[in-house]
Amino acid sequence: MIIQKYDDFVKALLHAGFSLSSGKGDGIYAIVTWNWNEEPPYETPVSWHTEDPETDPWEWRMRVLDERDDIAYGKLFFKKSGFITKAWYPYFLAARRGGANFKDFYTGGSMSHFAKRIYEIVADYDALPVHDIKRIGGFVKEDKPAFDRALVELQMGLFITVCGSQMRLSKLGVESAQGMPSSVFCTTEKFFGENVFKKAASIDSETAFDKIRAQILNLNPLAEEKKIVKFIFGQWSAQLK
């Protein structure tokens, strides 16, 4: 499908079920098949960082979160940004979490202590921007590398997800006009609600894998099996240990 505007992107994403944010899709799949610094393979007004909500893929990341309740966005595949629709989210939950909760992953050694600190803070609130997570958790400048890795861990494990963006607030509660907005995170349970998790609980990991794998090959018949496995399971696959 030729992507000319936001509505084309959403239609293609709902049909596909999941996508890397852009580029060659790391050997799997991306709806927007070029990056910001590359020429598109067909004539299109789509271009990064124009701030046009109709034709700027950078704006689409937050627009789907602001306007819809059936698309998740975050560091989801290969520790890179991507999208999963609500219809497909239970299958990724079943494949990656298999009914286990955060405590199970942490006590099993699959999550870092930094991830635990961040997760507990986010779980205590409806939603929090990154700068408030750092403030509440007492994270300091020296913690940045471990903090950033932990945010990716939590997103790849489908424990937290991006749910918007927010500028820093002054003491009077006024948004700053300077700097870049921070990503806002909430738990995936808060984002999608219990029905998605109930469906995930009814799907075994093997069935989930087969379903996602079939769709990947439908979207990209040339996808390699090793990349398919990594794409589906994330870093918690037994096959990848």
Protein backbone atom coordinates (compact mmCIF):
# COMPACT_ATOMS: atom_id res chain seq x y z
CA MET A 1 0.00 0.00 0.00
CA ILE A 2 1.30 3.46 -0.91
CA ILE A 3 1.36 5.69 2.18
CA GLN A 4 0.38 9.25 1.36
CA LYS A 5 -1.05 10.41 4.69
CA TYR A 6 -1.89 9.47 8.27
CA ASP A 7 -5.13 7.65 7.42
CA ASP A 8 -3.25 5.42 4.96
CA PHE A 9 -0.78 4.54 7.69
CA VAL A 10 -3.51 3.64 10.20
CA LYS A 11 -5.40 1.54 7.65
CA ALA A 12 -2.24 -0.36 6.73
CA LEU A 13 -1.32 -0.88 10.40
CA LEU A 14 -4.74 -2.23 11.36
CA HIS A 15 -4.50 -4.64 8.43
CA ALA A 16 -0.95 -5.75 9.26
CA GLY A 17 -1.33 -5.88 13.04
CA PHE A 18 2.23 -4.77 13.81
CA SER A 19 5.09 -2.86 12.25
CA LEU A 20 8.51 -1.40 12.89
CA SER A 21 8.34 2.39 12.88
CA SER A 22 10.12 2.82 9.55
CA GLY A 23 12.86 1.66 7.25
CA LYS A 24 13.48 -1.85 6.01
CA GLY A 25 11.74 -3.38 9.02
CA ASP A 26 14.89 -5.19 10.18
CA GLY A 27 14.08 -8.03 7.85
CA ILE A 28 10.52 -8.32 9.15
CA TYR A 29 8.12 -5.53 8.19
CA ALA A 30 7.63 -1.77 8.22
CA ILE A 31 4.70 0.16 6.76
CA VAL A 32 6.80 3.24 6.07
CA THR A 33 9.61 1.60 4.15
CA TRP A 34 12.20 4.36 4.39
CA ASN A 35 13.87 6.34 7.16
CA TRP A 36 13.87 10.11 7.67
CA ASN A 37 17.20 10.57 5.85
CA GLU A 38 16.30 8.43 2.83
CA GLU A 39 14.38 9.10 -0.34
CA PRO A 40 10.98 7.34 -0.42
CA PRO A 41 10.66 4.54 -2.99
CA TYR A 42 7.56 6.18 -4.49
CA GLU A 43 6.13 9.67 -4.87
CA THR A 44 4.57 10.76 -1.59
CA PRO A 45 4.23 13.89 0.55
CA VAL A 46 5.20 11.88 3.65
CA SER A 47 8.28 13.40 5.25
CA TRP A 48 9.74 13.48 8.75
CA HIS A 49 9.94 16.43 11.13
CA THR A 50 7.68 18.81 9.22
CA GLU A 51 5.23 18.84 12.17
CA ASP A 52 2.39 18.25 9.71
CA PRO A 53 0.07 15.74 11.45
CA GLU A 54 -1.13 14.40 8.10
CA THR A 55 2.23 13.64 6.50
CA ASP A 56 4.88 13.51 9.25
CA PRO A 57 5.47 9.96 10.62
CA TRP A 58 7.12 11.48 13.70
CA GLU A 59 3.78 13.08 14.54
CA TRP A 60 1.88 9.84 13.87
CA ARG A 61 3.55 8.16 16.86
CA MET A 62 1.72 10.39 19.31
CA ARG A 63 -1.35 10.95 17.14
CA VAL A 64 -2.36 7.29 17.28
CA LEU A 65 -2.06 7.41 21.07
CA ASP A 66 -4.02 10.65 21.35
CA GLU A 67 -6.82 9.70 18.97
CA ARG A 68 -7.18 5.92 19.25
CA ASP A 69 -7.32 3.20 21.90
CA ASP A 70 -6.39 0.23 19.71
CA ILE A 71 -2.72 0.84 18.87
CA ALA A 72 0.30 0.55 21.17
CA TYR A 73 3.62 2.24 20.43
CA GLY A 74 7.05 1.87 22.00
CA LYS A 75 10.35 0.00 21.90
CA LEU A 76 8.75 -3.28 20.93
CA PHE A 77 10.95 -5.08 18.42
CA PHE A 78 14.75 -5.52 18.38
CA LYS A 79 14.81 -2.79 21.08
CA LYS A 80 13.53 -0.38 18.42
CA SER A 81 10.28 1.53 18.06
CA GLY A 82 7.23 -0.06 16.57
CA PHE A 83 3.49 -0.55 16.78
CA ILE A 84 1.15 -3.41 17.79
CA THR A 85 -2.61 -3.23 17.38
CA LYS A 86 -5.03 -4.24 20.11
CA ALA A 87 -6.16 -7.25 18.06
CA TRP A 88 -2.62 -8.66 17.98
CA TYR A 89 -1.42 -7.58 21.41
CA PRO A 90 -2.77 -10.70 23.22
CA TYR A 91 -0.67 -12.92 20.97
CA PHE A 92 2.52 -11.02 21.77
CA LEU A 93 1.58 -11.08 25.47
CA ALA A 94 1.09 -14.83 25.31
CA ALA A 95 4.39 -15.33 23.48
CA ARG A 96 6.52 -13.03 25.64
CA ARG A 97 4.92 -13.19 29.08
CA GLY A 98 3.09 -16.53 29.03
CA GLY A 99 0.81 -15.48 31.89
CA ALA A 100 3.70 -14.47 34.15
CA ASN A 101 3.64 -11.13 35.98
CA PHE A 102 6.48 -8.70 36.60
CA LYS A 103 7.41 -10.29 39.93
CA ASP A 104 7.88 -13.65 38.19
CA PHE A 105 10.26 -12.11 35.67
CA TYR A 106 12.19 -10.17 38.29
CA THR A 107 12.65 -13.07 40.71
CA GLY A 108 13.61 -15.26 37.77
CA GLY A 109 16.43 -12.90 36.89
CA SER A 110 14.97 -11.65 33.60
CA MET A 111 14.50 -8.06 34.78
CA SER A 112 17.03 -5.68 36.29
CA HIS A 113 16.75 -3.87 39.62
CA PHE A 114 16.42 -0.59 37.72
CA ALA A 115 13.48 -2.07 35.82
CA LYS A 116 11.87 -3.04 39.12
CA ARG A 117 12.24 0.49 40.50
CA ILE A 118 10.75 2.04 37.35
CA TYR A 119 7.92 -0.48 37.07
CA GLU A 120 6.80 0.00 40.66
CA ILE A 121 6.72 3.78 40.22
CA VAL A 122 4.73 3.61 36.98
CA ALA A 123 2.32 1.03 38.46
CA ASP A 124 1.55 3.40 41.35
CA TYR A 125 0.30 6.10 38.97
CA ASP A 126 -2.13 6.26 36.06
CA ALA A 127 0.63 7.63 33.83
CA LEU A 128 3.97 9.39 34.32
CA PRO A 129 6.37 11.26 32.03
CA VAL A 130 9.99 10.14 32.10
CA HIS A 131 11.16 13.24 33.95
CA ASP A 132 8.70 12.54 36.77
CA ILE A 133 9.72 8.87 36.93
CA LYS A 134 13.31 10.04 37.43
CA ARG A 135 12.30 12.61 40.06
CA ILE A 136 10.09 10.27 42.07
CA GLY A 137 12.60 7.43 41.88
CA GLY A 138 15.56 9.59 42.83
CA PHE A 139 17.46 8.67 39.67
CA VAL A 140 20.53 10.79 39.06
CA LYS A 141 22.60 11.68 36.00
CA GLU A 142 24.97 8.76 36.53
CA ASP A 143 22.00 6.36 36.38
CA LYS A 144 21.07 7.33 32.81
CA PRO A 145 22.57 4.34 30.94
CA ALA A 146 20.97 1.78 33.30
CA PHE A 147 17.74 3.78 33.42
CA ASP A 148 17.44 3.88 29.62
CA ARG A 149 18.19 0.15 29.32
CA ALA A 150 15.55 -0.62 31.94
CA LEU A 151 12.91 1.41 30.08
CA VAL A 152 13.58 -0.69 26.99
CA GLU A 153 13.48 -3.93 29.03
CA LEU A 154 10.06 -3.03 30.38
CA GLN A 155 8.68 -2.10 26.97
CA MET A 156 10.05 -5.22 25.29
CA GLY A 157 8.54 -7.32 28.07
CA LEU A 158 5.18 -5.59 27.49
CA PHE A 159 5.02 -4.38 31.08
CA ILE A 160 4.87 -0.65 30.33
CA THR A 161 4.00 1.26 27.17
CA VAL A 162 4.13 4.80 25.85
CA CYS A 163 0.76 6.49 26.32
CA GLY A 164 1.54 10.08 25.29
CA SER A 165 4.03 12.90 25.72
CA GLN A 166 4.35 15.85 28.07
CA MET A 167 6.54 18.89 28.51
CA ARG A 168 8.03 19.62 31.92
CA LEU A 169 5.75 21.59 34.20
CA SER A 170 6.70 24.64 36.27
CA LYS A 171 5.88 24.84 39.98
CA LEU A 172 2.65 26.55 38.91
CA GLY A 173 1.73 23.63 36.68
CA VAL A 174 2.47 25.45 33.40
CA GLU A 175 4.14 23.54 30.56
CA SER A 176 7.61 24.72 29.59
CA ALA A 177 7.97 26.24 26.12
CA GLN A 178 11.56 25.00 25.85
CA GLY A 179 13.09 21.58 25.34
CA MET A 180 11.64 18.36 24.01
CA PRO A 181 8.57 16.65 25.47
CA SER A 182 9.08 13.52 27.55
CA SER A 183 7.42 10.22 26.73
CA VAL A 184 4.64 9.35 29.16
CA PHE A 185 4.42 5.74 30.34
CA CYS A 186 1.70 3.63 31.90
CA THR A 187 1.36 -0.10 32.52
CA THR A 188 0.07 -2.16 29.64
CA GLU A 189 -2.82 -3.28 31.86
CA LYS A 190 -3.83 0.35 32.29
CA PHE A 191 -3.41 1.06 28.57
CA PHE A 192 -5.43 -1.81 27.12
CA GLY A 193 -7.61 -3.01 30.00
CA GLU A 194 -8.34 -6.47 31.34
CA ASN A 195 -10.02 -7.97 28.26
CA VAL A 196 -6.75 -8.03 26.30
CA PHE A 197 -5.07 -9.85 29.18
CA LYS A 198 -7.96 -12.29 29.55
CA LYS A 199 -7.62 -13.19 25.88
CA ALA A 200 -3.85 -13.55 26.26
CA ALA A 201 -4.37 -15.95 29.17
CA SER A 202 -6.43 -18.20 26.90
CA ILE A 203 -3.63 -18.51 24.30
CA ASP A 204 -0.62 -20.76 24.79
CA SER A 205 2.82 -19.58 23.72
CA GLU A 206 3.14 -22.04 20.82
CA THR A 207 -0.21 -21.01 19.34
CA ALA A 208 0.73 -17.35 19.70
CA PHE A 209 4.07 -17.94 18.00
CA ASP A 210 2.47 -19.79 15.07
CA LYS A 211 -0.17 -17.08 14.60
CA ILE A 212 2.34 -14.22 14.56
CA ARG A 213 4.82 -16.15 12.42
CA ALA A 214 2.15 -16.83 9.79
CA GLN A 215 1.28 -13.13 9.65
CA ILE A 216 4.94 -12.14 9.35
CA LEU A 217 5.36 -14.47 6.38
CA ASN A 218 2.17 -13.10 4.88
CA LEU A 219 3.62 -9.59 5.12
CA ASN A 220 7.17 -10.59 4.21
CA PRO A 221 7.64 -14.06 2.67
CA LEU A 222 11.43 -13.55 2.72
CA ALA A 223 11.68 -13.09 6.50
CA GLU A 224 14.38 -15.32 8.01
CA GLU A 225 13.41 -17.76 10.76
CA LYS A 226 16.03 -16.53 13.23
CA LYS A 227 14.77 -12.97 12.93
CA ILE A 228 11.16 -14.12 13.17
CA VAL A 229 11.88 -15.84 16.48
CA LYS A 230 13.65 -12.80 17.89
CA PHE A 231 10.92 -10.47 16.65
CA ILE A 232 8.15 -12.50 18.28
CA PHE A 233 9.69 -13.41 21.60
CA GLY A 234 11.91 -10.44 22.33
CA GLN A 235 14.83 -11.07 24.68
CA TRP A 236 12.96 -13.56 26.92
CA SER A 237 12.74 -16.40 24.42
CA ALA A 238 14.19 -19.67 25.64
CA GLN A 239 15.40 -20.16 22.08
CA LEU A 240 17.54 -17.02 22.40
CA LYS A 241 19.23 -17.82 25.73
